């Protein structure tokens, strides 16, 4: 349940990079996603 929500969030951030978010924000969200997936495995 958490993974699809996380993916959706990151996709929204990706669409808004350069408009509302910096590219670094996407990097941080992507890293958080990877760490969460590793933790849940």
PDB file of N, CA and C in Angstrom:
ATOM      1  N   UNK A   1       0.818  -1.192   0.000  1.00  0.00           N
ATOM      2  CA  UNK A   1       0.000   0.000   0.000  1.00  0.00           C
ATOM      3  C   UNK A   1       0.870   1.268   0.000  1.00  0.00           C
ATOM      4  N   UNK A   2       1.946   1.257   0.727  1.00  0.00           N
ATOM      5  CA  UNK A   2       2.801   2.437   0.826  1.00  0.00           C
ATOM      6  C   UNK A   2       3.550   2.719  -0.478  1.00  0.00           C
ATOM      7  N   UNK A   3       4.007   1.684  -1.139  1.00  0.00           N
ATOM      8  CA  UNK A   3       4.835   1.856  -2.339  1.00  0.00           C
ATOM      9  C   UNK A   3       4.087   2.598  -3.455  1.00  0.00           C
ATOM     10  N   UNK A   4       2.855   2.216  -3.790  1.00  0.00           N
ATOM     11  CA  UNK A   4       2.145   2.959  -4.845  1.00  0.00           C
ATOM     12  C   UNK A   4       1.920   4.435  -4.494  1.00  0.00           C
ATOM     13  N   UNK A   5       1.665   4.715  -3.233  1.00  0.00           N
ATOM     14  CA  UNK A   5       1.473   6.109  -2.806  1.00  0.00           C
ATOM     15  C   UNK A   5       2.777   6.882  -2.973  1.00  0.00           C
ATOM     16  N   UNK A   6       3.872   6.257  -2.587  1.00  0.00           N
ATOM     17  CA  UNK A   6       5.194   6.878  -2.710  1.00  0.00           C
ATOM     18  C   UNK A   6       5.512   7.146  -4.184  1.00  0.00           C
ATOM     19  N   UNK A   7       5.237   6.163  -5.051  1.00  0.00           N
ATOM     20  CA  UNK A   7       5.499   6.327  -6.487  1.00  0.00           C
ATOM     21  C   UNK A   7       4.677   7.471  -7.063  1.00  0.00           C
ATOM     22  N   UNK A   8       3.409   7.531  -6.686  1.00  0.00           N
ATOM     23  CA  UNK A   8       2.531   8.600  -7.164  1.00  0.00           C
ATOM     24  C   UNK A   8       3.059   9.965  -6.722  1.00  0.00           C
ATOM     25  N   UNK A   9       3.461  10.049  -5.477  1.00  0.00           N
ATOM     26  CA  UNK A   9       4.024  11.299  -4.949  1.00  0.00           C
ATOM     27  C   UNK A   9       5.256  11.718  -5.744  1.00  0.00           C
ATOM     28  N   UNK A  10       6.169  10.787  -5.974  1.00  0.00           N
ATOM     29  CA  UNK A  10       7.397  11.106  -6.703  1.00  0.00           C
ATOM     30  C   UNK A  10       7.105  11.511  -8.142  1.00  0.00           C
ATOM     31  N   UNK A  11       6.110  10.878  -8.761  1.00  0.00           N
ATOM     32  CA  UNK A  11       5.732  11.256 -10.126  1.00  0.00           C
ATOM     33  C   UNK A  11       5.191  12.685 -10.172  1.00  0.00           C
ATOM     34  N   UNK A  12       4.418  13.061  -9.170  1.00  0.00           N
ATOM     35  CA  UNK A  12       3.895  14.433  -9.111  1.00  0.00           C
ATOM     36  C   UNK A  12       5.027  15.435  -8.920  1.00  0.00           C
ATOM     37  N   UNK A  13       5.976  15.092  -8.062  1.00  0.00           N
ATOM     38  CA  UNK A  13       7.136  15.967  -7.853  1.00  0.00           C
ATOM     39  C   UNK A  13       7.914  16.111  -9.161  1.00  0.00           C
ATOM     40  N   UNK A  14       8.095  14.992  -9.869  1.00  0.00           N
ATOM     41  CA  UNK A  14       8.838  15.000 -11.136  1.00  0.00           C
ATOM     42  C   UNK A  14       8.194  15.947 -12.142  1.00  0.00           C
ATOM     43  N   UNK A  15       6.865  15.935 -12.219  1.00  0.00           N
ATOM     44  CA  UNK A  15       6.149  16.810 -13.146  1.00  0.00           C
ATOM     45  C   UNK A  15       6.309  18.289 -12.777  1.00  0.00           C
ATOM     46  N   UNK A  16       6.535  18.572 -11.506  1.00  0.00           N
ATOM     47  CA  UNK A  16       6.591  19.956 -11.034  1.00  0.00           C
ATOM     48  C   UNK A  16       8.008  20.493 -10.830  1.00  0.00           C
ATOM     49  N   UNK A  17       9.013  19.689 -11.186  1.00  0.00           N
ATOM     50  CA  UNK A  17      10.398  20.161 -11.080  1.00  0.00           C
ATOM     51  C   UNK A  17      10.579  21.332 -12.049  1.00  0.00           C
ATOM     52  N   UNK A  18      11.139  22.399 -11.529  1.00  0.00           N
ATOM     53  CA  UNK A  18      11.343  23.595 -12.336  1.00  0.00           C
ATOM     54  C   UNK A  18      10.195  24.580 -12.250  1.00  0.00           C
ATOM     55  N   UNK A  19       9.057  24.113 -11.731  1.00  0.00           N
ATOM     56  CA  UNK A  19       7.888  24.981 -11.577  1.00  0.00           C
ATOM     57  C   UNK A  19       7.664  25.288 -10.106  1.00  0.00           C
ATOM     58  N   UNK A  20       7.508  24.231  -9.323  1.00  0.00           N
ATOM     59  CA  UNK A  20       7.256  24.397  -7.890  1.00  0.00           C
ATOM     60  C   UNK A  20       8.326  23.742  -7.021  1.00  0.00           C
ATOM     61  N   UNK A  21       9.102  22.836  -7.631  1.00  0.00           N
ATOM     62  CA  UNK A  21      10.120  22.110  -6.872  1.00  0.00           C
ATOM     63  C   UNK A  21      11.455  22.168  -7.593  1.00  0.00           C
ATOM     64  N   UNK A  22      12.525  22.098  -6.818  1.00  0.00           N
ATOM     65  CA  UNK A  22      13.873  22.032  -7.383  1.00  0.00           C
ATOM     66  C   UNK A  22      14.207  20.579  -7.719  1.00  0.00           C
ATOM     67  N   UNK A  23      15.164  20.385  -8.607  1.00  0.00           N
ATOM     68  CA  UNK A  23      15.555  19.026  -8.987  1.00  0.00           C
ATOM     69  C   UNK A  23      16.108  18.258  -7.787  1.00  0.00           C
ATOM     70  N   UNK A  24      16.706  18.976  -6.860  1.00  0.00           N
ATOM     71  CA  UNK A  24      17.240  18.332  -5.646  1.00  0.00           C
ATOM     72  C   UNK A  24      16.122  17.696  -4.825  1.00  0.00           C
ATOM     73  N   UNK A  25      14.959  18.303  -4.816  1.00  0.00           N
ATOM     74  CA  UNK A  25      13.818  17.745  -4.088  1.00  0.00           C
ATOM     75  C   UNK A  25      13.453  16.380  -4.653  1.00  0.00           C
ATOM     76  N   UNK A  26      13.461  16.265  -5.976  1.00  0.00           N
ATOM     77  CA  UNK A  26      13.174  14.975  -6.610  1.00  0.00           C
ATOM     78  C   UNK A  26      14.240  13.954  -6.235  1.00  0.00           C
ATOM     79  N   UNK A  27      15.490  14.362  -6.212  1.00  0.00           N
ATOM     80  CA  UNK A  27      16.568  13.448  -5.814  1.00  0.00           C
ATOM     81  C   UNK A  27      16.344  12.929  -4.396  1.00  0.00           C
ATOM     82  N   UNK A  28      15.992  13.828  -3.492  1.00  0.00           N
ATOM     83  CA  UNK A  28      15.765  13.430  -2.102  1.00  0.00           C
ATOM     84  C   UNK A  28      14.569  12.489  -1.983  1.00  0.00           C
ATOM     85  N   UNK A  29      13.505  12.774  -2.721  1.00  0.00           N
ATOM     86  CA  UNK A  29      12.322  11.906  -2.681  1.00  0.00           C
ATOM     87  C   UNK A  29      12.634  10.529  -3.258  1.00  0.00           C
ATOM     88  N   UNK A  30      13.409  10.500  -4.336  1.00  0.00           N
ATOM     89  CA  UNK A  30      13.791   9.232  -4.952  1.00  0.00           C
ATOM     90  C   UNK A  30      14.659   8.408  -4.003  1.00  0.00           C
ATOM     91  N   UNK A  31      15.579   9.063  -3.335  1.00  0.00           N
ATOM     92  CA  UNK A  31      16.428   8.375  -2.361  1.00  0.00           C
ATOM     93  C   UNK A  31      15.597   7.827  -1.209  1.00  0.00           C
ATOM     94  N   UNK A  32      14.671   8.617  -0.723  1.00  0.00           N
ATOM     95  CA  UNK A  32      13.786   8.161   0.359  1.00  0.00           C
ATOM     96  C   UNK A  32      12.978   6.950  -0.079  1.00  0.00           C
ATOM     97  N   UNK A  33      12.507   6.971  -1.315  1.00  0.00           N
ATOM     98  CA  UNK A  33      11.752   5.838  -1.849  1.00  0.00           C
ATOM     99  C   UNK A  33      12.619   4.578  -1.861  1.00  0.00           C
ATOM    100  N   UNK A  34      13.838   4.695  -2.361  1.00  0.00           N
ATOM    101  CA  UNK A  34      14.736   3.537  -2.427  1.00  0.00           C
ATOM    102  C   UNK A  34      15.016   2.970  -1.038  1.00  0.00           C
ATOM    103  N   UNK A  35      15.264   3.845  -0.088  1.00  0.00           N
ATOM    104  CA  UNK A  35      15.535   3.387   1.278  1.00  0.00           C
ATOM    105  C   UNK A  35      14.306   2.715   1.889  1.00  0.00           C
ATOM    106  N   UNK A  36      13.144   3.240   1.606  1.00  0.00           N
ATOM    107  CA  UNK A  36      11.908   2.653   2.132  1.00  0.00           C
ATOM    108  C   UNK A  36      11.690   1.263   1.556  1.00  0.00           C
ATOM    109  N   UNK A  37      11.894   1.112   0.255  1.00  0.00           N
ATOM    110  CA  UNK A  37      11.739  -0.195  -0.392  1.00  0.00           C
ATOM    111  C   UNK A  37      12.728  -1.193   0.204  1.00  0.00           C
ATOM    112  N   UNK A  38      13.961  -0.780   0.380  1.00  0.00           N
ATOM    113  CA  UNK A  38      14.969  -1.671   0.963  1.00  0.00           C
ATOM    114  C   UNK A  38      14.594  -2.068   2.385  1.00  0.00           C
ATOM    115  N   UNK A  39      14.079  -1.139   3.150  1.00  0.00           N
ATOM    116  CA  UNK A  39      13.683  -1.422   4.527  1.00  0.00           C
ATOM    117  C   UNK A  39      12.532  -2.421   4.576  1.00  0.00           C
ATOM    118  N   UNK A  40      11.587  -2.295   3.657  1.00  0.00           N
ATOM    119  CA  UNK A  40      10.408  -3.158   3.670  1.00  0.00           C
ATOM    120  C   UNK A  40      10.703  -4.574   3.171  1.00  0.00           C
ATOM    121  N   UNK A  41      11.819  -4.753   2.478  1.00  0.00           N
ATOM    122  CA  UNK A  41      12.147  -6.088   1.949  1.00  0.00           C
ATOM    123  C   UNK A  41      12.654  -7.011   2.997  1.00  0.00           C
TER     124      UNK A  41
END
